[in-house]
Amino acid sequence: MLGRLLVAAIAGVVVWKYRDSLREYAQGNAGPARERLDGLLGTMKDRSETLLDQAKEQISTRLDTAREKLRGGALEPGQENVPGSSFRA
């Protein structure tokens, strides 16, 4: 439900912001509107690729860190995993 509202809000903002270009396109003057839309889509593509690359890098780094922690904290054979007890006999 929240996702649909968010999509509707974003679509409304885009239509409001680019209403003049959309009006030109609807009236048949598609040339300038197409050029602007092409530029906008190119910008959006570049920005989304950048954001996806950053997210991928962060996820990879966090997964590598988690794997390192797991490898470094592995129990030795014969060692018991009892929470709260650090005493060995």
C-alpha atoms as a PDB file:
ATOM      1  CA  MET A   1       0.000   0.000   0.000  1.00  0.00           C
ATOM      2  CA  LEU A   2       2.761   2.406   0.957  1.00  0.00           C
ATOM      3  CA  GLY A   3       4.683   1.461  -2.184  1.00  0.00           C
ATOM      4  CA  ARG A   4       1.735   2.314  -4.419  1.00  0.00           C
ATOM      5  CA  LEU A   5       1.304   5.670  -2.712  1.00  0.00           C
ATOM      6  CA  LEU A   6       5.004   6.383  -3.140  1.00  0.00           C
ATOM      7  CA  VAL A   7       4.890   5.498  -6.852  1.00  0.00           C
ATOM      8  CA  ALA A   8       1.801   7.690  -7.338  1.00  0.00           C
ATOM      9  CA  ALA A   9       3.497  10.596  -5.550  1.00  0.00           C
ATOM     10  CA  ILE A  10       6.676  10.281  -7.623  1.00  0.00           C
ATOM     11  CA  ALA A  11       4.676  10.032 -10.851  1.00  0.00           C
ATOM     12  CA  GLY A  12       2.721  13.140  -9.868  1.00  0.00           C
ATOM     13  CA  VAL A  13       5.911  15.096  -9.216  1.00  0.00           C
ATOM     14  CA  VAL A  14       7.412  14.024 -12.555  1.00  0.00           C
ATOM     15  CA  VAL A  15       4.246  14.996 -14.454  1.00  0.00           C
ATOM     16  CA  TRP A  16       4.098  18.347 -12.665  1.00  0.00           C
ATOM     17  CA  LYS A  17       7.774  19.098 -13.278  1.00  0.00           C
ATOM     18  CA  TYR A  18       7.691  18.168 -16.970  1.00  0.00           C
ATOM     19  CA  ARG A  19       4.135  19.312 -17.765  1.00  0.00           C
ATOM     20  CA  ASP A  20       5.277  21.764 -20.454  1.00  0.00           C
ATOM     21  CA  SER A  21       7.288  19.126 -22.297  1.00  0.00           C
ATOM     22  CA  LEU A  22       4.397  16.679 -22.044  1.00  0.00           C
ATOM     23  CA  ARG A  23       1.980  19.321 -23.354  1.00  0.00           C
ATOM     24  CA  GLU A  24       4.249  19.996 -26.358  1.00  0.00           C
ATOM     25  CA  TYR A  25       4.451  16.284 -27.035  1.00  0.00           C
ATOM     26  CA  ALA A  26       0.667  15.895 -26.853  1.00  0.00           C
ATOM     27  CA  GLN A  27       0.158  18.831 -29.252  1.00  0.00           C
ATOM     28  CA  GLY A  28       2.431  17.317 -31.866  1.00  0.00           C
ATOM     29  CA  ASN A  29       5.656  19.249 -31.263  1.00  0.00           C
ATOM     30  CA  ALA A  30       7.469  16.115 -30.257  1.00  0.00           C
ATOM     31  CA  GLY A  31      10.954  17.244 -31.319  1.00  0.00           C
ATOM     32  CA  PRO A  32      11.980  19.384 -28.334  1.00  0.00           C
ATOM     33  CA  ALA A  33      10.045  17.198 -25.919  1.00  0.00           C
ATOM     34  CA  ARG A  34      11.772  14.077 -27.211  1.00  0.00           C
ATOM     35  CA  GLU A  35      15.192  15.672 -26.885  1.00  0.00           C
ATOM     36  CA  ARG A  36      14.499  16.753 -23.315  1.00  0.00           C
ATOM     37  CA  LEU A  37      13.048  13.368 -22.451  1.00  0.00           C
ATOM     38  CA  ASP A  38      16.026  11.625 -24.030  1.00  0.00           C
ATOM     39  CA  GLY A  39      18.385  13.761 -21.933  1.00  0.00           C
ATOM     40  CA  LEU A  40      16.351  13.074 -18.804  1.00  0.00           C
ATOM     41  CA  LEU A  41      16.325   9.330 -19.415  1.00  0.00           C
ATOM     42  CA  GLY A  42      20.076   9.330 -20.046  1.00  0.00           C
ATOM     43  CA  THR A  43      20.666  11.201 -16.796  1.00  0.00           C
ATOM     44  CA  MET A  44      18.391   8.831 -14.893  1.00  0.00           C
ATOM     45  CA  LYS A  45      20.194   5.825 -16.400  1.00  0.00           C
ATOM     46  CA  ASP A  46      23.622   7.145 -15.407  1.00  0.00           C
ATOM     47  CA  ARG A  47      22.465   8.024 -11.884  1.00  0.00           C
ATOM     48  CA  SER A  48      20.770   4.666 -11.319  1.00  0.00           C
ATOM     49  CA  GLU A  49      23.863   2.805 -12.549  1.00  0.00           C
ATOM     50  CA  THR A  50      26.014   4.810 -10.137  1.00  0.00           C
ATOM     51  CA  LEU A  51      23.681   4.101  -7.225  1.00  0.00           C
ATOM     52  CA  LEU A  52      23.526   0.385  -8.063  1.00  0.00           C
ATOM     53  CA  ASP A  53      27.318   0.188  -8.275  1.00  0.00           C
ATOM     54  CA  GLN A  54      27.639   1.888  -4.881  1.00  0.00           C
ATOM     55  CA  ALA A  55      25.063  -0.441  -3.334  1.00  0.00           C
ATOM     56  CA  LYS A  56      26.786  -3.481  -4.825  1.00  0.00           C
ATOM     57  CA  GLU A  57      30.130  -2.348  -3.426  1.00  0.00           C
ATOM     58  CA  GLN A  58      28.674  -1.768   0.055  1.00  0.00           C
ATOM     59  CA  ILE A  59      26.946  -5.153   0.084  1.00  0.00           C
ATOM     60  CA  SER A  60      30.105  -6.928  -1.075  1.00  0.00           C
ATOM     61  CA  THR A  61      32.176  -5.183   1.585  1.00  0.00           C
ATOM     62  CA  ARG A  62      29.732  -6.071   4.338  1.00  0.00           C
ATOM     63  CA  LEU A  63      29.496  -9.685   3.231  1.00  0.00           C
ATOM     64  CA  ASP A  64      33.288  -9.969   3.118  1.00  0.00           C
ATOM     65  CA  THR A  65      33.510  -8.455   6.609  1.00  0.00           C
ATOM     66  CA  ALA A  66      30.929 -10.903   7.923  1.00  0.00           C
ATOM     67  CA  ARG A  67      32.789 -13.830   6.365  1.00  0.00           C
ATOM     68  CA  GLU A  68      36.059 -12.656   7.934  1.00  0.00           C
ATOM     69  CA  LYS A  69      34.376 -12.432  11.336  1.00  0.00           C
ATOM     70  CA  LEU A  70      32.974 -15.919  10.948  1.00  0.00           C
ATOM     71  CA  ARG A  71      36.339 -17.363   9.954  1.00  0.00           C
ATOM     72  CA  GLY A  72      38.180 -15.558  12.751  1.00  0.00           C
ATOM     73  CA  GLY A  73      35.644 -16.526  15.403  1.00  0.00           C
ATOM     74  CA  ALA A  74      35.378 -20.202  14.500  1.00  0.00           C
ATOM     75  CA  LEU A  75      35.477 -22.566  17.425  1.00  0.00           C
ATOM     76  CA  GLU A  76      38.411 -24.862  17.833  1.00  0.00           C
ATOM     77  CA  PRO A  77      37.688 -28.596  18.158  1.00  0.00           C
ATOM     78  CA  GLY A  78      36.754 -29.502  21.714  1.00  0.00           C
ATOM     79  CA  GLN A  79      35.817 -25.948  22.670  1.00  0.00           C
ATOM     80  CA  GLU A  80      32.313 -25.476  23.974  1.00  0.00           C
ATOM     81  CA  ASN A  81      30.153 -22.566  22.938  1.00  0.00           C
ATOM     82  CA  VAL A  82      28.506 -21.535  26.202  1.00  0.00           C
ATOM     83  CA  PRO A  83      27.209 -17.973  26.217  1.00  0.00           C
ATOM     84  CA  GLY A  84      28.530 -15.821  29.056  1.00  0.00           C
ATOM     85  CA  SER A  85      31.247 -18.205  30.188  1.00  0.00           C
ATOM     86  CA  SER A  86      34.810 -17.266  29.420  1.00  0.00           C
ATOM     87  CA  PHE A  87      36.357 -19.509  32.097  1.00  0.00           C
ATOM     88  CA  ARG A  88      38.299 -22.574  30.977  1.00  0.00           C
ATOM     89  CA  ALA A  89      39.302 -25.342  33.310  1.00  0.00           C
END
